[in-house]
Amino acid sequence: MRLLLLLPCLLLAAAPAVAQTTTAAPAAAETEAVKATVNRFFEGLRQGDSAVVRSTLAPTVVLRTISTRGGSVQIMSETPQELLKAVGTPHKEVWDERITFERVLIDAQLASVWTPYQFYAGATFSHCGYNSFQLVKLPQGWRIAYVIDTRRKDGCK
């Protein structure tokens, strides 16, 4: 009799562990899919391939940069067309933005990615900062909808 009472208790106790396992796997897969989109963006940048970069962008992507000039903070805008033209125009040095994924947050179709970076033109260090990406999960997958970054030459890791 005690065995019959113990069996349902054991099954109920194991249920949360099974539920955590099944929900953790999709969350990990989504995180990897988000990272893959961001990595593909930078692969396109390194290759000078505007088509690869374009494939990572949402149709209405917004691109911003925060900079300090003359002691004042400025928010600068770049259109997707300007970015794609700059990437696709041949340049002598490889544009190598080296990122690490510090944080990836996902809720439903929204992802937020925080990446410190160092930017090199070929082997020459140019600047560093942080990128903040906002991605949206569209029918064709995760796409970058908004990017804002900081840029500086001092205080880099």
N, C-alpha and C. Protein backbone atom coordinates (compact mmCIF):
# COMPACT_ATOMS: atom_id res chain seq x y z
N MET A 1 0.82 -1.19 0.00
CA MET A 1 0.00 0.00 0.00
C MET A 1 0.86 1.26 0.00
N ARG A 2 1.90 1.24 0.85
CA ARG A 2 2.78 2.39 0.89
C ARG A 2 3.48 2.58 -0.45
N LEU A 3 3.82 1.48 -1.09
CA LEU A 3 4.48 1.55 -2.40
C LEU A 3 3.56 2.21 -3.42
N LEU A 4 2.27 1.90 -3.37
CA LEU A 4 1.32 2.52 -4.29
C LEU A 4 1.20 4.02 -4.04
N LEU A 5 1.31 4.46 -2.81
CA LEU A 5 1.26 5.89 -2.49
C LEU A 5 2.57 6.58 -2.87
N LEU A 6 3.67 5.86 -2.75
CA LEU A 6 4.99 6.44 -3.03
C LEU A 6 5.19 6.66 -4.53
N LEU A 7 4.69 5.78 -5.37
CA LEU A 7 4.89 5.90 -6.82
C LEU A 7 4.33 7.20 -7.38
N PRO A 8 3.09 7.60 -7.10
CA PRO A 8 2.61 8.89 -7.62
C PRO A 8 3.42 10.08 -7.11
N CYS A 9 3.88 10.01 -5.87
CA CYS A 9 4.69 11.10 -5.32
C CYS A 9 6.01 11.22 -6.07
N LEU A 10 6.62 10.10 -6.39
CA LEU A 10 7.88 10.12 -7.14
C LEU A 10 7.66 10.69 -8.54
N LEU A 11 6.57 10.30 -9.18
CA LEU A 11 6.27 10.82 -10.52
C LEU A 11 6.04 12.32 -10.49
N LEU A 12 5.31 12.80 -9.50
CA LEU A 12 5.07 14.24 -9.38
C LEU A 12 6.35 14.99 -9.06
N ALA A 13 7.22 14.41 -8.27
CA ALA A 13 8.48 15.07 -7.93
C ALA A 13 9.39 15.17 -9.15
N ALA A 14 9.33 14.19 -10.04
CA ALA A 14 10.18 14.19 -11.23
C ALA A 14 9.64 15.11 -12.33
N ALA A 15 8.37 15.43 -12.31
CA ALA A 15 7.77 16.24 -13.37
C ALA A 15 8.44 17.59 -13.56
N PRO A 16 8.77 18.36 -12.50
CA PRO A 16 9.44 19.65 -12.74
C PRO A 16 10.79 19.49 -13.43
N ALA A 17 11.53 18.45 -13.11
CA ALA A 17 12.84 18.25 -13.75
C ALA A 17 12.67 17.97 -15.23
N VAL A 18 11.65 17.19 -15.59
CA VAL A 18 11.39 16.91 -17.00
C VAL A 18 10.95 18.19 -17.70
N ALA A 19 10.10 18.97 -17.07
CA ALA A 19 9.63 20.22 -17.67
C ALA A 19 10.78 21.19 -17.89
N GLN A 20 11.70 21.27 -16.93
CA GLN A 20 12.85 22.16 -17.08
C GLN A 20 13.73 21.72 -18.23
N THR A 21 13.91 20.42 -18.38
CA THR A 21 14.74 19.91 -19.46
C THR A 21 14.12 20.23 -20.81
N THR A 22 12.82 20.05 -20.95
CA THR A 22 12.20 20.28 -22.25
C THR A 22 12.13 21.76 -22.60
N THR A 23 12.00 22.65 -21.63
CA THR A 23 11.97 24.08 -21.95
C THR A 23 13.37 24.65 -22.09
N ALA A 24 14.35 24.08 -21.43
CA ALA A 24 15.71 24.60 -21.52
C ALA A 24 16.30 24.36 -22.91
N ALA A 25 15.98 23.22 -23.51
CA ALA A 25 16.54 22.92 -24.84
C ALA A 25 16.09 23.93 -25.89
N PRO A 26 14.79 24.25 -26.01
CA PRO A 26 14.41 25.27 -26.99
C PRO A 26 15.02 26.62 -26.67
N ALA A 27 15.13 26.98 -25.39
CA ALA A 27 15.73 28.27 -25.03
C ALA A 27 17.18 28.31 -25.48
N ALA A 28 17.91 27.22 -25.27
CA ALA A 28 19.31 27.17 -25.71
C ALA A 28 19.40 27.24 -27.23
N ALA A 29 18.48 26.57 -27.92
CA ALA A 29 18.48 26.60 -29.38
C ALA A 29 18.19 28.01 -29.89
N GLU A 30 17.26 28.71 -29.26
CA GLU A 30 16.94 30.08 -29.66
C GLU A 30 18.13 31.01 -29.41
N THR A 31 18.80 30.83 -28.27
CA THR A 31 19.98 31.64 -27.97
C THR A 31 21.05 31.43 -29.04
N GLU A 32 21.27 30.19 -29.42
CA GLU A 32 22.27 29.90 -30.46
C GLU A 32 21.85 30.48 -31.81
N ALA A 33 20.56 30.46 -32.11
CA ALA A 33 20.08 31.03 -33.37
C ALA A 33 20.27 32.54 -33.40
N VAL A 34 20.03 33.20 -32.27
CA VAL A 34 20.25 34.65 -32.17
C VAL A 34 21.74 34.95 -32.36
N LYS A 35 22.59 34.21 -31.66
CA LYS A 35 24.04 34.41 -31.79
C LYS A 35 24.50 34.17 -33.23
N ALA A 36 23.92 33.18 -33.88
CA ALA A 36 24.31 32.87 -35.27
C ALA A 36 24.00 34.05 -36.19
N THR A 37 22.88 34.72 -35.97
CA THR A 37 22.54 35.89 -36.80
C THR A 37 23.56 37.00 -36.59
N VAL A 38 23.90 37.28 -35.34
CA VAL A 38 24.88 38.33 -35.04
C VAL A 38 26.25 37.94 -35.61
N ASN A 39 26.65 36.70 -35.44
CA ASN A 39 27.93 36.25 -36.01
C ASN A 39 27.95 36.35 -37.53
N ARG A 40 26.84 36.01 -38.17
CA ARG A 40 26.76 36.10 -39.63
C ARG A 40 26.90 37.56 -40.09
N PHE A 41 26.32 38.50 -39.34
CA PHE A 41 26.47 39.93 -39.63
C PHE A 41 27.96 40.29 -39.68
N PHE A 42 28.72 39.86 -38.68
CA PHE A 42 30.14 40.22 -38.62
C PHE A 42 30.98 39.42 -39.62
N GLU A 43 30.55 38.21 -39.97
CA GLU A 43 31.24 37.47 -41.04
C GLU A 43 31.10 38.23 -42.35
N GLY A 44 29.90 38.74 -42.63
CA GLY A 44 29.69 39.54 -43.84
C GLY A 44 30.54 40.79 -43.83
N LEU A 45 30.66 41.42 -42.67
CA LEU A 45 31.50 42.61 -42.53
C LEU A 45 32.96 42.28 -42.86
N ARG A 46 33.46 41.18 -42.27
CA ARG A 46 34.86 40.76 -42.53
C ARG A 46 35.09 40.42 -44.00
N GLN A 47 34.11 39.78 -44.62
CA GLN A 47 34.24 39.36 -46.02
C GLN A 47 33.98 40.50 -47.00
N GLY A 48 33.47 41.62 -46.50
CA GLY A 48 33.09 42.71 -47.40
C GLY A 48 31.90 42.33 -48.26
N ASP A 49 31.03 41.48 -47.72
CA ASP A 49 29.89 40.93 -48.47
C ASP A 49 28.59 41.56 -47.98
N SER A 50 28.12 42.56 -48.71
CA SER A 50 26.91 43.26 -48.29
C SER A 50 25.67 42.37 -48.35
N ALA A 51 25.67 41.35 -49.22
CA ALA A 51 24.52 40.44 -49.29
C ALA A 51 24.39 39.63 -48.00
N VAL A 52 25.51 39.20 -47.45
CA VAL A 52 25.48 38.46 -46.19
C VAL A 52 24.98 39.37 -45.07
N VAL A 53 25.52 40.59 -45.01
CA VAL A 53 25.07 41.54 -44.00
C VAL A 53 23.58 41.81 -44.16
N ARG A 54 23.13 42.07 -45.38
CA ARG A 54 21.71 42.35 -45.64
C ARG A 54 20.83 41.20 -45.16
N SER A 55 21.29 39.97 -45.31
CA SER A 55 20.48 38.80 -44.92
C SER A 55 20.22 38.74 -43.42
N THR A 56 20.97 39.49 -42.63
CA THR A 56 20.80 39.48 -41.18
C THR A 56 19.90 40.61 -40.68
N LEU A 57 19.53 41.53 -41.57
CA LEU A 57 18.82 42.74 -41.17
C LEU A 57 17.32 42.64 -41.39
N ALA A 58 16.56 43.17 -40.46
CA ALA A 58 15.11 43.32 -40.64
C ALA A 58 14.87 44.41 -41.68
N PRO A 59 13.75 44.37 -42.37
CA PRO A 59 13.49 45.37 -43.42
C PRO A 59 13.56 46.82 -42.94
N THR A 60 13.21 47.08 -41.70
CA THR A 60 13.20 48.46 -41.19
C THR A 60 14.26 48.68 -40.12
N VAL A 61 15.43 48.07 -40.30
CA VAL A 61 16.50 48.16 -39.30
C VAL A 61 16.89 49.62 -39.04
N VAL A 62 17.23 49.90 -37.80
CA VAL A 62 17.69 51.22 -37.37
C VAL A 62 19.12 51.06 -36.87
N LEU A 63 20.02 51.93 -37.34
CA LEU A 63 21.44 51.86 -36.99
C LEU A 63 21.86 53.17 -36.33
N ARG A 64 22.41 53.09 -35.12
CA ARG A 64 22.82 54.28 -34.38
C ARG A 64 24.20 54.06 -33.77
N THR A 65 24.91 55.17 -33.57
CA THR A 65 26.20 55.17 -32.89
C THR A 65 26.21 56.32 -31.90
N ILE A 66 26.70 56.05 -30.70
CA ILE A 66 26.89 57.10 -29.70
C ILE A 66 28.36 57.48 -29.72
N SER A 67 28.64 58.77 -29.89
CA SER A 67 30.03 59.21 -29.87
C SER A 67 30.13 60.50 -29.07
N THR A 68 31.34 60.80 -28.65
CA THR A 68 31.60 62.04 -27.95
C THR A 68 32.57 62.85 -28.79
N ARG A 69 32.14 64.01 -29.19
CA ARG A 69 32.98 64.90 -29.99
C ARG A 69 32.97 66.27 -29.35
N GLY A 70 34.15 66.80 -29.12
CA GLY A 70 34.23 68.12 -28.51
C GLY A 70 33.56 68.19 -27.15
N GLY A 71 33.56 67.07 -26.44
CA GLY A 71 32.98 67.03 -25.10
C GLY A 71 31.48 66.84 -25.05
N SER A 72 30.82 66.77 -26.19
CA SER A 72 29.37 66.55 -26.16
C SER A 72 29.02 65.19 -26.76
N VAL A 73 28.00 64.59 -26.19
CA VAL A 73 27.54 63.28 -26.65
C VAL A 73 26.63 63.49 -27.85
N GLN A 74 26.88 62.69 -28.88
CA GLN A 74 26.06 62.76 -30.09
C GLN A 74 25.54 61.38 -30.43
N ILE A 75 24.32 61.34 -30.94
CA ILE A 75 23.76 60.09 -31.46
C ILE A 75 23.74 60.25 -32.97
N MET A 76 24.50 59.40 -33.64
CA MET A 76 24.62 59.47 -35.09
C MET A 76 23.82 58.33 -35.71
N SER A 77 23.23 58.60 -36.86
CA SER A 77 22.43 57.62 -37.58
C SER A 77 23.12 57.21 -38.86
N GLU A 78 22.88 55.98 -39.26
CA GLU A 78 23.35 55.48 -40.55
C GLU A 78 22.19 54.71 -41.16
N THR A 79 21.95 54.91 -42.44
CA THR A 79 20.88 54.16 -43.09
C THR A 79 21.41 52.77 -43.44
N PRO A 80 20.52 51.81 -43.59
CA PRO A 80 20.96 50.49 -44.02
C PRO A 80 21.70 50.55 -45.36
N GLN A 81 21.24 51.41 -46.26
CA GLN A 81 21.88 51.54 -47.57
C GLN A 81 23.32 52.05 -47.43
N GLU A 82 23.54 52.99 -46.52
CA GLU A 82 24.90 53.50 -46.29
C GLU A 82 25.80 52.40 -45.75
N LEU A 83 25.29 51.63 -44.80
CA LEU A 83 26.07 50.53 -44.24
C LEU A 83 26.41 49.51 -45.31
N LEU A 84 25.41 49.09 -46.08
CA LEU A 84 25.63 48.07 -47.10
C LEU A 84 26.59 48.55 -48.18
N LYS A 85 26.50 49.82 -48.55
CA LYS A 85 27.42 50.37 -49.54
C LYS A 85 28.85 50.38 -48.99
N ALA A 86 29.01 50.79 -47.73
CA ALA A 86 30.34 50.82 -47.12
C ALA A 86 30.94 49.41 -47.04
N VAL A 87 30.12 48.45 -46.64
CA VAL A 87 30.61 47.06 -46.53
C VAL A 87 30.98 46.52 -47.90
N GLY A 88 30.14 46.76 -48.90
CA GLY A 88 30.35 46.19 -50.23
C GLY A 88 31.37 46.91 -51.09
N THR A 89 31.77 48.12 -50.70
CA THR A 89 32.79 48.85 -51.46
C THR A 89 34.16 48.31 -51.09
N PRO A 90 34.94 47.87 -52.07
CA PRO A 90 36.26 47.30 -51.74
C PRO A 90 37.11 48.27 -50.91
N HIS A 91 37.74 47.72 -49.89
CA HIS A 91 38.66 48.49 -49.06
C HIS A 91 39.90 47.65 -48.82
N LYS A 92 41.04 48.32 -48.62
CA LYS A 92 42.32 47.63 -48.52
C LYS A 92 42.39 46.67 -47.33
N GLU A 93 41.86 47.09 -46.22
CA GLU A 93 41.98 46.31 -44.99
C GLU A 93 40.68 45.55 -44.69
N VAL A 94 40.82 44.40 -44.07
CA VAL A 94 39.66 43.64 -43.62
C VAL A 94 39.07 44.35 -42.40
N TRP A 95 37.76 44.57 -42.40
CA TRP A 95 37.10 45.14 -41.23
C TRP A 95 36.77 44.00 -40.28
N ASP A 96 37.47 43.95 -39.18
CA ASP A 96 37.39 42.83 -38.25
C ASP A 96 36.89 43.31 -36.89
N GLU A 97 35.61 43.16 -36.67
CA GLU A 97 35.04 43.52 -35.37
C GLU A 97 34.96 42.25 -34.53
N ARG A 98 35.77 42.22 -33.49
CA ARG A 98 35.88 41.04 -32.64
C ARG A 98 34.97 41.22 -31.43
N ILE A 99 33.95 40.39 -31.37
CA ILE A 99 32.94 40.52 -30.32
C ILE A 99 33.00 39.33 -29.37
N THR A 100 32.46 39.56 -28.19
CA THR A 100 32.14 38.46 -27.27
C THR A 100 30.69 38.68 -26.85
N PHE A 101 30.00 37.59 -26.61
CA PHE A 101 28.60 37.67 -26.18
C PHE A 101 28.58 37.76 -24.66
N GLU A 102 28.31 38.96 -24.18
CA GLU A 102 28.24 39.16 -22.73
C GLU A 102 26.86 38.79 -22.20
N ARG A 103 25.83 39.09 -22.98
CA ARG A 103 24.48 38.78 -22.52
C ARG A 103 23.55 38.61 -23.72
N VAL A 104 22.70 37.58 -23.65
CA VAL A 104 21.64 37.37 -24.64
C VAL A 104 20.35 37.14 -23.85
N LEU A 105 19.37 37.99 -24.10
CA LEU A 105 18.07 37.87 -23.44
C LEU A 105 17.00 37.66 -24.51
N ILE A 106 16.08 36.74 -24.24
CA ILE A 106 15.03 36.45 -25.23
C ILE A 106 13.68 36.38 -24.53
N ASP A 107 12.69 37.02 -25.14
CA ASP A 107 11.30 36.88 -24.73
C ASP A 107 10.46 36.79 -25.99
N ALA A 108 9.91 35.62 -26.21
CA ALA A 108 9.06 35.37 -27.39
C ALA A 108 9.83 35.72 -28.67
N GLN A 109 9.38 36.73 -29.42
CA GLN A 109 10.02 37.07 -30.69
C GLN A 109 11.02 38.22 -30.57
N LEU A 110 11.40 38.59 -29.35
CA LEU A 110 12.35 39.68 -29.12
C LEU A 110 13.61 39.16 -28.46
N ALA A 111 14.75 39.56 -28.99
CA ALA A 111 16.03 39.21 -28.37
C ALA A 111 16.86 40.48 -28.22
N SER A 112 17.58 40.55 -27.12
CA SER A 112 18.49 41.66 -26.85
C SER A 112 19.87 41.07 -26.62
N VAL A 113 20.85 41.61 -27.35
CA VAL A 113 22.22 41.06 -27.29
C VAL A 113 23.18 42.19 -26.95
N TRP A 114 24.05 41.96 -25.98
CA TRP A 114 25.03 42.93 -25.50
C TRP A 114 26.41 42.36 -25.79
N THR A 115 27.20 43.06 -26.63
CA THR A 115 28.51 42.53 -27.02
C THR A 115 29.59 43.59 -26.92
N PRO A 116 30.56 43.41 -26.02
CA PRO A 116 31.74 44.26 -26.09
C PRO A 116 32.52 43.88 -27.35
N TYR A 117 33.26 44.84 -27.91
CA TYR A 117 34.00 44.55 -29.13
C TYR A 117 35.29 45.35 -29.21
N GLN A 118 36.18 44.88 -30.08
CA GLN A 118 37.37 45.61 -30.51
C GLN A 118 37.34 45.58 -32.03
N PHE A 119 37.52 46.74 -32.64
CA PHE A 119 37.47 46.84 -34.10
C PHE A 119 38.89 47.02 -34.64
N TYR A 120 39.23 46.19 -35.62
CA TYR A 120 40.53 46.26 -36.28
C TYR A 120 40.32 46.49 -37.77
N ALA A 121 41.14 47.35 -38.34
CA ALA A 121 41.23 47.50 -39.79
C ALA A 121 42.49 46.74 -40.17
N GLY A 122 42.30 45.54 -40.70
CA GLY A 122 43.44 44.65 -40.90
C GLY A 122 43.99 44.25 -39.53
N ALA A 123 45.29 44.44 -39.34
CA ALA A 123 45.92 44.12 -38.05
C ALA A 123 45.99 45.32 -37.12
N THR A 124 45.50 46.47 -37.57
CA THR A 124 45.62 47.71 -36.80
C THR A 124 44.37 47.97 -35.97
N PHE A 125 44.56 48.10 -34.65
CA PHE A 125 43.45 48.41 -33.76
C PHE A 125 42.91 49.80 -34.10
N SER A 126 41.59 49.91 -34.17
CA SER A 126 40.95 51.19 -34.47
C SER A 126 40.21 51.75 -33.25
N HIS A 127 39.29 50.96 -32.69
CA HIS A 127 38.50 51.44 -31.55
C HIS A 127 37.79 50.25 -30.89
N CYS A 128 37.16 50.55 -29.77
CA CYS A 128 36.41 49.52 -29.06
C CYS A 128 35.10 50.13 -28.56
N GLY A 129 34.30 49.31 -27.93
CA GLY A 129 33.05 49.78 -27.36
C GLY A 129 32.11 48.62 -27.08
N TYR A 130 30.85 48.93 -27.06
CA TYR A 130 29.81 47.93 -26.85
C TYR A 130 28.75 48.09 -27.94
N ASN A 131 28.23 46.95 -28.39
CA ASN A 131 27.08 46.92 -29.29
C ASN A 131 25.86 46.47 -28.49
N SER A 132 24.73 47.07 -28.77
CA SER A 132 23.46 46.61 -28.25
C SER A 132 22.57 46.30 -29.45
N PHE A 133 22.29 45.02 -29.64
CA PHE A 133 21.46 44.55 -30.75
C PHE A 133 20.07 44.22 -30.24
N GLN A 134 19.06 44.59 -30.99
CA GLN A 134 17.69 44.14 -30.76
C GLN A 134 17.30 43.34 -31.99
N LEU A 135 16.93 42.10 -31.78
CA LEU A 135 16.54 41.23 -32.89
C LEU A 135 15.07 40.85 -32.75
N VAL A 136 14.45 40.59 -33.89
CA VAL A 136 13.06 40.16 -33.94
C VAL A 136 13.02 38.84 -34.71
N LYS A 137 12.23 37.90 -34.20
CA LYS A 137 12.09 36.63 -34.91
C LYS A 137 10.98 36.76 -35.95
N LEU A 138 11.39 36.83 -37.19
CA LEU A 138 10.48 36.92 -38.33
C LEU A 138 10.28 35.52 -38.91
N PRO A 139 9.37 35.33 -39.87
CA PRO A 139 9.17 34.00 -40.45
C PRO A 139 10.46 33.39 -41.01
N GLN A 140 11.38 34.21 -41.51
CA GLN A 140 12.64 33.69 -42.06
C GLN A 140 13.74 33.55 -41.01
N GLY A 141 13.43 33.82 -39.74
CA GLY A 141 14.40 33.65 -38.66
C GLY A 141 14.70 34.96 -37.94
N TRP A 142 15.70 34.93 -37.07
CA TRP A 142 16.09 36.10 -36.30
C TRP A 142 16.74 37.13 -37.20
N ARG A 143 16.28 38.38 -37.09
CA ARG A 143 16.84 39.48 -37.88
C ARG A 143 17.11 40.67 -36.97
N ILE A 144 18.16 41.41 -37.29
CA ILE A 144 18.56 42.58 -36.51
C ILE A 144 17.62 43.73 -36.86
N ALA A 145 16.94 44.26 -35.84
CA ALA A 145 16.00 45.35 -36.04
C ALA A 145 16.56 46.69 -35.58
N TYR A 146 17.50 46.64 -34.63
CA TYR A 146 18.05 47.88 -34.07
C TYR A 146 19.45 47.61 -33.55
N VAL A 147 20.37 48.50 -33.86
CA VAL A 147 21.73 48.42 -33.32
C VAL A 147 22.12 49.81 -32.85
N ILE A 148 22.68 49.87 -31.66
CA ILE A 148 23.31 51.10 -31.19
C ILE A 148 24.63 50.68 -30.56
N ASP A 149 25.67 51.48 -30.80
CA ASP A 149 26.97 51.12 -30.26
C ASP A 149 27.69 52.35 -29.73
N THR A 150 28.68 52.08 -28.89
CA THR A 150 29.59 53.12 -28.43
C THR A 150 30.92 52.90 -29.13
N ARG A 151 31.70 53.97 -29.25
CA ARG A 151 33.02 53.88 -29.88
C ARG A 151 34.00 54.75 -29.12
N ARG A 152 35.14 54.17 -28.81
CA ARG A 152 36.20 54.93 -28.15
C ARG A 152 37.55 54.28 -28.44
N LYS A 153 38.60 55.03 -28.22
CA LYS A 153 39.95 54.51 -28.42
C LYS A 153 40.64 54.21 -27.09
N ASP A 154 40.17 54.83 -26.01
CA ASP A 154 40.78 54.65 -24.69
C ASP A 154 39.91 53.75 -23.82
N GLY A 155 40.55 53.13 -22.84
CA GLY A 155 39.79 52.30 -21.90
C GLY A 155 39.32 51.00 -22.49
N CYS A 156 40.02 50.50 -23.49
CA CYS A 156 39.63 49.25 -24.13
C CYS A 156 40.26 48.07 -23.39
N LYS A 157 39.57 46.96 -23.44
CA LYS A 157 40.07 45.74 -22.78
C LYS A 157 41.20 45.12 -23.56
